[in-house]
Amino acid sequence: MQKMMRAFETGDADLAFEVLRKDGAVLGYSTSAGKVVTQTTQEWAKGFPGKPADDEAQRKRSYEIVDVTEHAAVVKVMLDYPAWKGLDYLALSKIDGKWMIVSKSWSGQRKP
């Protein structure tokens, strides 16, 4: 999880893909689009700008391991940004001895 958190902080998609499966799925309800949005992790990672966000110093992130077994885990990520607040639920699988994020389900909304 530390690598994924650093990827968020740095905007580095390559760092994210060290722990994010390229064939993974991202799913969430977009209030602006008024519908469920699905993407591959590769499509989602295109949003990583390659550098920290201009407001990175004001962004807050934390995570909590919800459950873990020998080969599966669920992690809740809390995101509090200046203009957005949300939650990610990450499903991880231990693949060839390495923990990888296989899916991300998100929920959030813009702040007033």
PDB file of N, CA and C in Angstrom:
ATOM      1  N   MET A   1       0.815  -1.194   0.000  1.00  0.00           N
ATOM      2  CA  MET A   1       0.000   0.000   0.000  1.00  0.00           C
ATOM      3  C   MET A   1       0.861   1.261   0.000  1.00  0.00           C
ATOM      4  N   GLN A   2       2.047   1.158   0.591  1.00  0.00           N
ATOM      5  CA  GLN A   2       2.901   2.337   0.628  1.00  0.00           C
ATOM      6  C   GLN A   2       3.247   2.810  -0.783  1.00  0.00           C
ATOM      7  N   LYS A   3       3.472   1.864  -1.698  1.00  0.00           N
ATOM      8  CA  LYS A   3       3.785   2.256  -3.079  1.00  0.00           C
ATOM      9  C   LYS A   3       2.601   2.947  -3.733  1.00  0.00           C
ATOM     10  N   MET A   4       1.391   2.442  -3.502  1.00  0.00           N
ATOM     11  CA  MET A   4       0.212   3.063  -4.102  1.00  0.00           C
ATOM     12  C   MET A   4       0.009   4.460  -3.536  1.00  0.00           C
ATOM     13  N   MET A   5       0.230   4.630  -2.244  1.00  0.00           N
ATOM     14  CA  MET A   5       0.091   5.951  -1.634  1.00  0.00           C
ATOM     15  C   MET A   5       1.143   6.915  -2.199  1.00  0.00           C
ATOM     16  N   ARG A   6       2.372   6.427  -2.407  1.00  0.00           N
ATOM     17  CA  ARG A   6       3.411   7.270  -3.016  1.00  0.00           C
ATOM     18  C   ARG A   6       3.058   7.614  -4.458  1.00  0.00           C
ATOM     19  N   ALA A   7       2.429   6.674  -5.171  1.00  0.00           N
ATOM     20  CA  ALA A   7       2.006   6.949  -6.547  1.00  0.00           C
ATOM     21  C   ALA A   7       0.977   8.074  -6.571  1.00  0.00           C
ATOM     22  N   PHE A   8       0.010   8.035  -5.631  1.00  0.00           N
ATOM     23  CA  PHE A   8      -0.952   9.136  -5.526  1.00  0.00           C
ATOM     24  C   PHE A   8      -0.220  10.458  -5.271  1.00  0.00           C
ATOM     25  N   GLU A   9       0.721  10.454  -4.335  1.00  0.00           N
ATOM     26  CA  GLU A   9       1.438  11.678  -3.948  1.00  0.00           C
ATOM     27  C   GLU A   9       2.268  12.249  -5.085  1.00  0.00           C
ATOM     28  N   THR A  10       2.921  11.379  -5.833  1.00  0.00           N
ATOM     29  CA  THR A  10       3.846  11.820  -6.879  1.00  0.00           C
ATOM     30  C   THR A  10       3.208  11.917  -8.258  1.00  0.00           C
ATOM     31  N   GLY A  11       2.008  11.350  -8.425  1.00  0.00           N
ATOM     32  CA  GLY A  11       1.368  11.342  -9.737  1.00  0.00           C
ATOM     33  C   GLY A  11       2.049  10.402 -10.713  1.00  0.00           C
ATOM     34  N   ASP A  12       2.734   9.388 -10.205  1.00  0.00           N
ATOM     35  CA  ASP A  12       3.561   8.487 -11.009  1.00  0.00           C
ATOM     36  C   ASP A  12       2.830   7.182 -11.319  1.00  0.00           C
ATOM     37  N   ALA A  13       2.337   7.048 -12.552  1.00  0.00           N
ATOM     38  CA  ALA A  13       1.613   5.838 -12.956  1.00  0.00           C
ATOM     39  C   ALA A  13       2.529   4.620 -12.962  1.00  0.00           C
ATOM     40  N   ASP A  14       3.798   4.794 -13.334  1.00  0.00           N
ATOM     41  CA  ASP A  14       4.721   3.655 -13.344  1.00  0.00           C
ATOM     42  C   ASP A  14       4.876   3.074 -11.945  1.00  0.00           C
ATOM     43  N   LEU A  15       4.949   3.924 -10.946  1.00  0.00           N
ATOM     44  CA  LEU A  15       5.032   3.464  -9.564  1.00  0.00           C
ATOM     45  C   LEU A  15       3.749   2.729  -9.181  1.00  0.00           C
ATOM     46  N   ALA A  16       2.610   3.255  -9.603  1.00  0.00           N
ATOM     47  CA  ALA A  16       1.329   2.593  -9.314  1.00  0.00           C
ATOM     48  C   ALA A  16       1.310   1.188  -9.904  1.00  0.00           C
ATOM     49  N   PHE A  17       1.816   1.043 -11.124  1.00  0.00           N
ATOM     50  CA  PHE A  17       1.763  -0.263 -11.778  1.00  0.00           C
ATOM     51  C   PHE A  17       2.725  -1.284 -11.175  1.00  0.00           C
ATOM     52  N   GLU A  18       3.556  -0.881 -10.236  1.00  0.00           N
ATOM     53  CA  GLU A  18       4.350  -1.864  -9.498  1.00  0.00           C
ATOM     54  C   GLU A  18       3.460  -2.695  -8.578  1.00  0.00           C
ATOM     55  N   VAL A  19       2.287  -2.156  -8.220  1.00  0.00           N
ATOM     56  CA  VAL A  19       1.361  -2.872  -7.332  1.00  0.00           C
ATOM     57  C   VAL A  19      -0.055  -2.963  -7.905  1.00  0.00           C
ATOM     58  N   LEU A  20      -0.265  -2.434  -9.085  1.00  0.00           N
ATOM     59  CA  LEU A  20      -1.582  -2.384  -9.717  1.00  0.00           C
ATOM     60  C   LEU A  20      -1.562  -3.240 -10.975  1.00  0.00           C
ATOM     61  N   ARG A  21      -2.447  -4.241 -11.017  1.00  0.00           N
ATOM     62  CA  ARG A  21      -2.485  -5.084 -12.216  1.00  0.00           C
ATOM     63  C   ARG A  21      -3.033  -4.300 -13.393  1.00  0.00           C
ATOM     64  N   LYS A  22      -2.371  -4.416 -14.530  1.00  0.00           N
ATOM     65  CA  LYS A  22      -2.808  -3.684 -15.719  1.00  0.00           C
ATOM     66  C   LYS A  22      -4.137  -4.189 -16.250  1.00  0.00           C
ATOM     67  N   ASP A  23      -4.507  -5.420 -15.901  1.00  0.00           N
ATOM     68  CA  ASP A  23      -5.800  -5.952 -16.349  1.00  0.00           C
ATOM     69  C   ASP A  23      -6.872  -5.807 -15.268  1.00  0.00           C
ATOM     70  N   GLY A  24      -6.595  -4.991 -14.262  1.00  0.00           N
ATOM     71  CA  GLY A  24      -7.549  -4.771 -13.179  1.00  0.00           C
ATOM     72  C   GLY A  24      -8.701  -3.877 -13.604  1.00  0.00           C
ATOM     73  N   ALA A  25      -9.676  -3.739 -12.713  1.00  0.00           N
ATOM     74  CA  ALA A  25     -10.882  -2.964 -13.002  1.00  0.00           C
ATOM     75  C   ALA A  25     -11.058  -1.839 -11.988  1.00  0.00           C
ATOM     76  N   VAL A  26     -11.588  -0.720 -12.473  1.00  0.00           N
ATOM     77  CA  VAL A  26     -11.923   0.434 -11.637  1.00  0.00           C
ATOM     78  C   VAL A  26     -13.393   0.745 -11.881  1.00  0.00           C
ATOM     79  N   LEU A  27     -14.156   0.864 -10.795  1.00  0.00           N
ATOM     80  CA  LEU A  27     -15.606   1.037 -10.902  1.00  0.00           C
ATOM     81  C   LEU A  27     -16.074   2.022  -9.846  1.00  0.00           C
ATOM     82  N   GLY A  28     -16.930   2.952 -10.250  1.00  0.00           N
ATOM     83  CA  GLY A  28     -17.476   3.894  -9.280  1.00  0.00           C
ATOM     84  C   GLY A  28     -18.644   4.656  -9.864  1.00  0.00           C
ATOM     85  N   TYR A  29     -19.419   5.276  -8.986  1.00  0.00           N
ATOM     86  CA  TYR A  29     -20.559   6.074  -9.429  1.00  0.00           C
ATOM     87  C   TYR A  29     -20.122   7.527  -9.558  1.00  0.00           C
ATOM     88  N   SER A  30     -20.249   8.070 -10.761  1.00  0.00           N
ATOM     89  CA  SER A  30     -19.893   9.454 -11.020  1.00  0.00           C
ATOM     90  C   SER A  30     -21.132  10.325 -10.866  1.00  0.00           C
ATOM     91  N   THR A  31     -21.118  11.214  -9.877  1.00  0.00           N
ATOM     92  CA  THR A  31     -22.259  12.112  -9.704  1.00  0.00           C
ATOM     93  C   THR A  31     -22.334  13.112 -10.849  1.00  0.00           C
ATOM     94  N   SER A  32     -21.194  13.523 -11.393  1.00  0.00           N
ATOM     95  CA  SER A  32     -21.213  14.479 -12.503  1.00  0.00           C
ATOM     96  C   SER A  32     -21.763  13.849 -13.779  1.00  0.00           C
ATOM     97  N   ALA A  33     -21.456  12.570 -14.010  1.00  0.00           N
ATOM     98  CA  ALA A  33     -21.986  11.871 -15.187  1.00  0.00           C
ATOM     99  C   ALA A  33     -23.351  11.257 -14.906  1.00  0.00           C
ATOM    100  N   GLY A  34     -23.690  11.098 -13.621  1.00  0.00           N
ATOM    101  CA  GLY A  34     -24.977  10.506 -13.256  1.00  0.00           C
ATOM    102  C   GLY A  34     -25.084   9.032 -13.579  1.00  0.00           C
ATOM    103  N   LYS A  35     -23.937   8.336 -13.555  1.00  0.00           N
ATOM    104  CA  LYS A  35     -23.952   6.907 -13.880  1.00  0.00           C
ATOM    105  C   LYS A  35     -22.709   6.219 -13.323  1.00  0.00           C
ATOM    106  N   VAL A  36     -22.757   4.900 -13.358  1.00  0.00           N
ATOM    107  CA  VAL A  36     -21.599   4.097 -12.972  1.00  0.00           C
ATOM    108  C   VAL A  36     -20.568   4.175 -14.095  1.00  0.00           C
ATOM    109  N   VAL A  37     -19.345   4.406 -13.706  1.00  0.00           N
ATOM    110  CA  VAL A  37     -18.246   4.497 -14.662  1.00  0.00           C
ATOM    111  C   VAL A  37     -17.319   3.313 -14.418  1.00  0.00           C
ATOM    112  N   THR A  38     -16.976   2.604 -15.481  1.00  0.00           N
ATOM    113  CA  THR A  38     -16.023   1.498 -15.381  1.00  0.00           C
ATOM    114  C   THR A  38     -14.845   1.781 -16.310  1.00  0.00           C
ATOM    115  N   GLN A  39     -13.674   1.418 -15.831  1.00  0.00           N
ATOM    116  CA  GLN A  39     -12.451   1.591 -16.602  1.00  0.00           C
ATOM    117  C   GLN A  39     -11.515   0.436 -16.294  1.00  0.00           C
ATOM    118  N   THR A  40     -10.565   0.227 -17.183  1.00  0.00           N
ATOM    119  CA  THR A  40      -9.462  -0.659 -16.840  1.00  0.00           C
ATOM    120  C   THR A  40      -8.495   0.158 -15.977  1.00  0.00           C
ATOM    121  N   THR A  41      -7.624  -0.511 -15.276  1.00  0.00           N
ATOM    122  CA  THR A  41      -6.648   0.232 -14.483  1.00  0.00           C
ATOM    123  C   THR A  41      -5.728   1.045 -15.393  1.00  0.00           C
ATOM    124  N   GLN A  42      -5.482   0.558 -16.598  1.00  0.00           N
ATOM    125  CA  GLN A  42      -4.644   1.314 -17.532  1.00  0.00           C
ATOM    126  C   GLN A  42      -5.326   2.618 -17.931  1.00  0.00           C
ATOM    127  N   GLU A  43      -6.646   2.571 -18.194  1.00  0.00           N
ATOM    128  CA  GLU A  43      -7.379   3.796 -18.524  1.00  0.00           C
ATOM    129  C   GLU A  43      -7.365   4.757 -17.341  1.00  0.00           C
ATOM    130  N   TRP A  44      -7.617   4.230 -16.145  1.00  0.00           N
ATOM    131  CA  TRP A  44      -7.660   5.062 -14.946  1.00  0.00           C
ATOM    132  C   TRP A  44      -6.312   5.731 -14.697  1.00  0.00           C
ATOM    133  N   ALA A  45      -5.228   4.996 -14.889  1.00  0.00           N
ATOM    134  CA  ALA A  45      -3.887   5.515 -14.602  1.00  0.00           C
ATOM    135  C   ALA A  45      -3.466   6.621 -15.570  1.00  0.00           C
ATOM    136  N   LYS A  46      -4.174   6.777 -16.681  1.00  0.00           N
ATOM    137  CA  LYS A  46      -3.869   7.893 -17.589  1.00  0.00           C
ATOM    138  C   LYS A  46      -4.099   9.235 -16.897  1.00  0.00           C
ATOM    139  N   GLY A  47      -4.873   9.235 -15.812  1.00  0.00           N
ATOM    140  CA  GLY A  47      -5.110  10.453 -15.045  1.00  0.00           C
ATOM    141  C   GLY A  47      -3.947  10.853 -14.145  1.00  0.00           C
ATOM    142  N   PHE A  48      -2.941   9.991 -14.019  1.00  0.00           N
ATOM    143  CA  PHE A  48      -1.755  10.339 -13.232  1.00  0.00           C
ATOM    144  C   PHE A  48      -0.915  11.309 -14.069  1.00  0.00           C
ATOM    145  N   PRO A  49      -0.681  12.521 -13.579  1.00  0.00           N
ATOM    146  CA  PRO A  49      -0.020  13.543 -14.400  1.00  0.00           C
ATOM    147  C   PRO A  49       1.502  13.422 -14.519  1.00  0.00           C
ATOM    148  N   GLY A  50       2.119  12.503 -13.761  1.00  0.00           N
ATOM    149  CA  GLY A  50       3.569  12.370 -13.829  1.00  0.00           C
ATOM    150  C   GLY A  50       4.303  13.312 -12.892  1.00  0.00           C
ATOM    151  N   LYS A  51       3.539  14.067 -12.121  1.00  0.00           N
ATOM    152  CA  LYS A  51       4.124  14.985 -11.136  1.00  0.00           C
ATOM    153  C   LYS A  51       3.096  15.192 -10.033  1.00  0.00           C
ATOM    154  N   PRO A  52       3.524  15.662  -8.870  1.00  0.00           N
ATOM    155  CA  PRO A  52       2.555  15.908  -7.797  1.00  0.00           C
ATOM    156  C   PRO A  52       1.523  16.958  -8.219  1.00  0.00           C
ATOM    157  N   ALA A  53       0.314  16.834  -7.696  1.00  0.00           N
ATOM    158  CA  ALA A  53      -0.733  17.824  -7.961  1.00  0.00           C
ATOM    159  C   ALA A  53      -0.311  19.168  -7.374  1.00  0.00           C
ATOM    160  N   ASP A  54      -0.782  20.249  -7.983  1.00  0.00           N
ATOM    161  CA  ASP A  54      -0.439  21.583  -7.488  1.00  0.00           C
ATOM    162  C   ASP A  54      -0.852  21.779  -6.031  1.00  0.00           C
ATOM    163  N   ASP A  55      -1.957  21.124  -5.631  1.00  0.00           N
ATOM    164  CA  ASP A  55      -2.449  21.264  -4.256  1.00  0.00           C
ATOM    165  C   ASP A  55      -2.066  20.067  -3.374  1.00  0.00           C
ATOM    166  N   GLU A  56      -1.009  19.357  -3.743  1.00  0.00           N
ATOM    167  CA  GLU A  56      -0.619  18.136  -3.017  1.00  0.00           C
ATOM    168  C   GLU A  56      -0.426  18.380  -1.519  1.00  0.00           C
ATOM    169  N   ALA A  57       0.098  19.515  -1.149  1.00  0.00           N
ATOM    170  CA  ALA A  57       0.349  19.797   0.271  1.00  0.00           C
ATOM    171  C   ALA A  57      -0.943  19.827   1.087  1.00  0.00           C
ATOM    172  N   GLN A  58      -2.076  20.093   0.431  1.00  0.00           N
ATOM    173  CA  GLN A  58      -3.357  20.136   1.148  1.00  0.00           C
ATOM    174  C   GLN A  58      -4.134  18.823   1.072  1.00  0.00           C
ATOM    175  N   ARG A  59      -3.653  17.875   0.298  1.00  0.00           N
ATOM    176  CA  ARG A  59      -4.359  16.595   0.148  1.00  0.00           C
ATOM    177  C   ARG A  59      -4.032  15.677   1.319  1.00  0.00           C
ATOM    178  N   LYS A  60      -5.059  15.011   1.824  1.00  0.00           N
ATOM    179  CA  LYS A  60      -4.870  14.063   2.924  1.00  0.00           C
ATOM    180  C   LYS A  60      -5.336  12.688   2.472  1.00  0.00           C
ATOM    181  N   ARG A  61      -4.510  11.690   2.780  1.00  0.00           N
ATOM    182  CA  ARG A  61      -4.839  10.300   2.450  1.00  0.00           C
ATOM    183  C   ARG A  61      -4.481   9.413   3.622  1.00  0.00           C
ATOM    184  N   SER A  62      -5.293   8.397   3.821  1.00  0.00           N
ATOM    185  CA  SER A  62      -4.969   7.378   4.817  1.00  0.00           C
ATOM    186  C   SER A  62      -5.615   6.081   4.355  1.00  0.00           C
ATOM    187  N   TYR A  63      -5.185   4.989   4.946  1.00  0.00           N
ATOM    188  CA  TYR A  63      -5.800   3.717   4.582  1.00  0.00           C
ATOM    189  C   TYR A  63      -5.924   2.827   5.803  1.00  0.00           C
ATOM    190  N   GLU A  64      -6.827   1.877   5.656  1.00  0.00           N
ATOM    191  CA  GLU A  64      -7.109   0.917   6.725  1.00  0.00           C
ATOM    192  C   GLU A  64      -7.257  -0.457   6.082  1.00  0.00           C
ATOM    193  N   ILE A  65      -6.532  -1.428   6.598  1.00  0.00           N
ATOM    194  CA  ILE A  65      -6.679  -2.799   6.111  1.00  0.00           C
ATOM    195  C   ILE A  65      -7.949  -3.358   6.732  1.00  0.00           C
ATOM    196  N   VAL A  66      -8.934  -3.639   5.883  1.00  0.00           N
ATOM    197  CA  VAL A  66     -10.240  -4.103   6.351  1.00  0.00           C
ATOM    198  C   VAL A  66     -10.207  -5.593   6.667  1.00  0.00           C
ATOM    199  N   ASP A  67      -9.590  -6.362   5.785  1.00  0.00           N
ATOM    200  CA  ASP A  67      -9.519  -7.810   5.985  1.00  0.00           C
ATOM    201  C   ASP A  67      -8.347  -8.353   5.187  1.00  0.00           C
ATOM    202  N   VAL A  68      -7.736  -9.397   5.698  1.00  0.00           N
ATOM    203  CA  VAL A  68      -6.626 -10.025   4.992  1.00  0.00           C
ATOM    204  C   VAL A  68      -6.627 -11.518   5.296  1.00  0.00           C
ATOM    205  N   THR A  69      -6.439 -12.295   4.251  1.00  0.00           N
ATOM    206  CA  THR A  69      -6.275 -13.737   4.379  1.00  0.00           C
ATOM    207  C   THR A  69      -4.940 -14.095   3.730  1.00  0.00           C
ATOM    208  N   GLU A  70      -4.711 -15.371   3.552  1.00  0.00           N
ATOM    209  CA  GLU A  70      -3.430 -15.788   2.980  1.00  0.00           C
ATOM    210  C   GLU A  70      -3.197 -15.223   1.577  1.00  0.00           C
ATOM    211  N   HIS A  71      -4.264 -15.137   0.766  1.00  0.00           N
ATOM    212  CA  HIS A  71      -4.091 -14.722  -0.630  1.00  0.00           C
ATOM    213  C   HIS A  71      -5.003 -13.592  -1.074  1.00  0.00           C
ATOM    214  N   ALA A  72      -5.758 -12.990  -0.165  1.00  0.00           N
ATOM    215  CA  ALA A  72      -6.665 -11.901  -0.539  1.00  0.00           C
ATOM    216  C   ALA A  72      -6.740 -10.881   0.586  1.00  0.00           C
ATOM    217  N   ALA A  73      -6.989  -9.631   0.190  1.00  0.00           N
ATOM    218  CA  ALA A  73      -7.125  -8.558   1.178  1.00  0.00           C
ATOM    219  C   ALA A  73      -8.020  -7.466   0.615  1.00  0.00           C
ATOM    220  N   VAL A  74      -8.619  -6.702   1.522  1.00  0.00           N
ATOM    221  CA  VAL A  74      -9.407  -5.529   1.155  1.00  0.00           C
ATOM    222  C   VAL A  74      -8.885  -4.355   1.978  1.00  0.00           C
ATOM    223  N   VAL A  75      -8.646  -3.246   1.291  1.00  0.00           N
ATOM    224  CA  VAL A  75      -8.128  -2.045   1.938  1.00  0.00           C
ATOM    225  C   VAL A  75      -9.051  -0.874   1.622  1.00  0.00           C
ATOM    226  N   LYS A  76      -9.366  -0.100   2.643  1.00  0.00           N
ATOM    227  CA  LYS A  76     -10.181   1.112   2.496  1.00  0.00           C
ATOM    228  C   LYS A  76      -9.229   2.305   2.496  1.00  0.00           C
ATOM    229  N   VAL A  77      -9.322   3.132   1.449  1.00  0.00           N
ATOM    230  CA  VAL A  77      -8.481   4.320   1.327  1.00  0.00           C
ATOM    231  C   VAL A  77      -9.371   5.554   1.455  1.00  0.00           C
ATOM    232  N   MET A  78      -9.040   6.422   2.400  1.00  0.00           N
ATOM    233  CA  MET A  78      -9.787   7.654   2.613  1.00  0.00           C
ATOM    234  C   MET A  78      -9.022   8.805   1.961  1.00  0.00           C
ATOM    235  N   LEU A  79      -9.722   9.554   1.109  1.00  0.00           N
ATOM    236  CA  LEU A  79      -9.116  10.647   0.358  1.00  0.00           C
ATOM    237  C   LEU A  79      -9.835  11.944   0.702  1.00  0.00           C
ATOM    238  N   ASP A  80      -9.097  12.935   1.125  1.00  0.00           N
ATOM    239  CA  ASP A  80      -9.675  14.240   1.445  1.00  0.00           C
ATOM    240  C   ASP A  80      -8.831  15.294   0.746  1.00  0.00           C
ATOM    241  N   TYR A  81      -9.325  15.755  -0.406  1.00  0.00           N
ATOM    242  CA  TYR A  81      -8.629  16.741  -1.217  1.00  0.00           C
ATOM    243  C   TYR A  81      -9.347  18.083  -1.079  1.00  0.00           C
ATOM    244  N   PRO A  82      -8.688  19.172  -1.436  1.00  0.00           N
ATOM    245  CA  PRO A  82      -9.345  20.472  -1.303  1.00  0.00           C
ATOM    246  C   PRO A  82     -10.699  20.559  -2.022  1.00  0.00           C
ATOM    247  N   ALA A  83     -10.834  19.930  -3.170  1.00  0.00           N
ATOM    248  CA  ALA A  83     -12.083  20.044  -3.929  1.00  0.00           C
ATOM    249  C   ALA A  83     -12.878  18.740  -3.994  1.00  0.00           C
ATOM    250  N   TRP A  84     -12.401  17.670  -3.341  1.00  0.00           N
ATOM    251  CA  TRP A  84     -13.053  16.361  -3.478  1.00  0.00           C
ATOM    252  C   TRP A  84     -12.796  15.522  -2.236  1.00  0.00           C
ATOM    253  N   LYS A  85     -13.780  14.729  -1.869  1.00  0.00           N
ATOM    254  CA  LYS A  85     -13.626  13.801  -0.747  1.00  0.00           C
ATOM    255  C   LYS A  85     -14.195  12.461  -1.177  1.00  0.00           C
ATOM    256  N   GLY A  86     -13.452  11.388  -0.913  1.00  0.00           N
ATOM    257  CA  GLY A  86     -13.941  10.095  -1.355  1.00  0.00           C
ATOM    258  C   GLY A  86     -13.306   8.921  -0.639  1.00  0.00           C
ATOM    259  N   LEU A  87     -13.806   7.759  -1.007  1.00  0.00           N
ATOM    260  CA  LEU A  87     -13.319   6.484  -0.490  1.00  0.00           C
ATOM    261  C   LEU A  87     -13.010   5.565  -1.654  1.00  0.00           C
ATOM    262  N   ASP A  88     -11.940   4.826  -1.526  1.00  0.00           N
ATOM    263  CA  ASP A  88     -11.616   3.749  -2.455  1.00  0.00           C
ATOM    264  C   ASP A  88     -11.609   2.455  -1.656  1.00  0.00           C
ATOM    265  N   TYR A  89     -12.139   1.413  -2.246  1.00  0.00           N
ATOM    266  CA  TYR A  89     -11.997   0.072  -1.686  1.00  0.00           C
ATOM    267  C   TYR A  89     -11.154  -0.710  -2.680  1.00  0.00           C
ATOM    268  N   LEU A  90      -9.993  -1.146  -2.234  1.00  0.00           N
ATOM    269  CA  LEU A  90      -9.064  -1.867  -3.089  1.00  0.00           C
ATOM    270  C   LEU A  90      -9.080  -3.343  -2.733  1.00  0.00           C
ATOM    271  N   ALA A  91      -9.259  -4.178  -3.749  1.00  0.00           N
ATOM    272  CA  ALA A  91      -9.156  -5.626  -3.571  1.00  0.00           C
ATOM    273  C   ALA A  91      -7.763  -6.032  -4.025  1.00  0.00           C
ATOM    274  N   LEU A  92      -7.067  -6.756  -3.166  1.00  0.00           N
ATOM    275  CA  LEU A  92      -5.723  -7.214  -3.471  1.00  0.00           C
ATOM    276  C   LEU A  92      -5.683  -8.731  -3.489  1.00  0.00           C
ATOM    277  N   SER A  93      -4.839  -9.260  -4.353  1.00  0.00           N
ATOM    278  CA  SER A  93      -4.587 -10.698  -4.402  1.00  0.00           C
ATOM    279  C   SER A  93      -3.083 -10.919  -4.351  1.00  0.00           C
ATOM    280  N   LYS A  94      -2.693 -11.979  -3.672  1.00  0.00           N
ATOM    281  CA  LYS A  94      -1.274 -12.340  -3.637  1.00  0.00           C
ATOM    282  C   LYS A  94      -1.022 -13.213  -4.857  1.00  0.00           C
ATOM    283  N   ILE A  95      -0.258 -12.681  -5.804  1.00  0.00           N
ATOM    284  CA  ILE A  95      -0.004 -13.351  -7.074  1.00  0.00           C
ATOM    285  C   ILE A  95       1.499 -13.585  -7.188  1.00  0.00           C
ATOM    286  N   ASP A  96       1.881 -14.835  -7.329  1.00  0.00           N
ATOM    287  CA  ASP A  96       3.300 -15.196  -7.392  1.00  0.00           C
ATOM    288  C   ASP A  96       4.082 -14.591  -6.221  1.00  0.00           C
ATOM    289  N   GLY A  97       3.458 -14.620  -5.034  1.00  0.00           N
ATOM    290  CA  GLY A  97       4.111 -14.150  -3.827  1.00  0.00           C
ATOM    291  C   GLY A  97       4.104 -12.641  -3.621  1.00  0.00           C
ATOM    292  N   LYS A  98       3.451 -11.890  -4.522  1.00  0.00           N
ATOM    293  CA  LYS A  98       3.447 -10.428  -4.436  1.00  0.00           C
ATOM    294  C   LYS A  98       2.012  -9.912  -4.346  1.00  0.00           C
ATOM    295  N   TRP A  99       1.755  -8.995  -3.401  1.00  0.00           N
ATOM    296  CA  TRP A  99       0.431  -8.396  -3.276  1.00  0.00           C
ATOM    297  C   TRP A  99       0.207  -7.419  -4.424  1.00  0.00           C
ATOM    298  N   MET A 100      -0.909  -7.615  -5.141  1.00  0.00           N
ATOM    299  CA  MET A 100      -1.261  -6.755  -6.270  1.00  0.00           C
ATOM    300  C   MET A 100      -2.707  -6.281  -6.126  1.00  0.00           C
ATOM    301  N   ILE A 101      -2.947  -5.035  -6.489  1.00  0.00           N
ATOM    302  CA  ILE A 101      -4.306  -4.497  -6.501  1.00  0.00           C
ATOM    303  C   ILE A 101      -4.971  -4.979  -7.783  1.00  0.00           C
ATOM    304  N   VAL A 102      -6.082  -5.704  -7.638  1.00  0.00           N
ATOM    305  CA  VAL A 102      -6.771  -6.258  -8.803  1.00  0.00           C
ATOM    306  C   VAL A 102      -8.033  -5.483  -9.152  1.00  0.00           C
ATOM    307  N   SER A 103      -8.576  -4.726  -8.183  1.00  0.00           N
ATOM    308  CA  SER A 103      -9.732  -3.887  -8.494  1.00  0.00           C
ATOM    309  C   SER A 103      -9.836  -2.734  -7.508  1.00  0.00           C
ATOM    310  N   LYS A 104     -10.513  -1.694  -7.980  1.00  0.00           N
ATOM    311  CA  LYS A 104     -10.727  -0.489  -7.176  1.00  0.00           C
ATOM    312  C   LYS A 104     -12.173  -0.075  -7.362  1.00  0.00           C
ATOM    313  N   SER A 105     -12.882   0.042  -6.261  1.00  0.00           N
ATOM    314  CA  SER A 105     -14.249   0.549  -6.269  1.00  0.00           C
ATOM    315  C   SER A 105     -14.228   1.867  -5.516  1.00  0.00           C
ATOM    316  N   TRP A 106     -14.770   2.920  -6.121  1.00  0.00           N
ATOM    317  CA  TRP A 106     -14.652   4.230  -5.496  1.00  0.00           C
ATOM    318  C   TRP A 106     -16.001   4.909  -5.348  1.00  0.00           C
ATOM    319  N   SER A 107     -16.019   5.838  -4.418  1.00  0.00           N
ATOM    320  CA  SER A 107     -17.195   6.663  -4.170  1.00  0.00           C
ATOM    321  C   SER A 107     -16.690   8.002  -3.674  1.00  0.00           C
ATOM    322  N   GLY A 108     -17.283   9.070  -4.141  1.00  0.00           N
ATOM    323  CA  GLY A 108     -16.852  10.378  -3.677  1.00  0.00           C
ATOM    324  C   GLY A 108     -17.689  11.483  -4.269  1.00  0.00           C
ATOM    325  N   GLN A 109     -17.403  12.678  -3.815  1.00  0.00           N
ATOM    326  CA  GLN A 109     -18.129  13.818  -4.361  1.00  0.00           C
ATOM    327  C   GLN A 109     -17.288  15.080  -4.249  1.00  0.00           C
ATOM    328  N   ARG A 110     -17.596  16.008  -5.123  1.00  0.00           N
ATOM    329  CA  ARG A 110     -16.924  17.307  -5.084  1.00  0.00           C
ATOM    330  C   ARG A 110     -17.375  18.073  -3.854  1.00  0.00           C
ATOM    331  N   LYS A 111     -16.459  18.843  -3.316  1.00  0.00           N
ATOM    332  CA  LYS A 111     -16.790  19.691  -2.172  1.00  0.00           C
ATOM    333  C   LYS A 111     -17.389  21.005  -2.693  1.00  0.00           C
ATOM    334  N   PRO A 112     -18.280  21.599  -1.901  1.00  0.00           N
ATOM    335  CA  PRO A 112     -18.873  22.885  -2.335  1.00  0.00           C
ATOM    336  C   PRO A 112     -17.847  24.009  -2.347  1.00  0.00           C
TER     337      PRO A 112
END
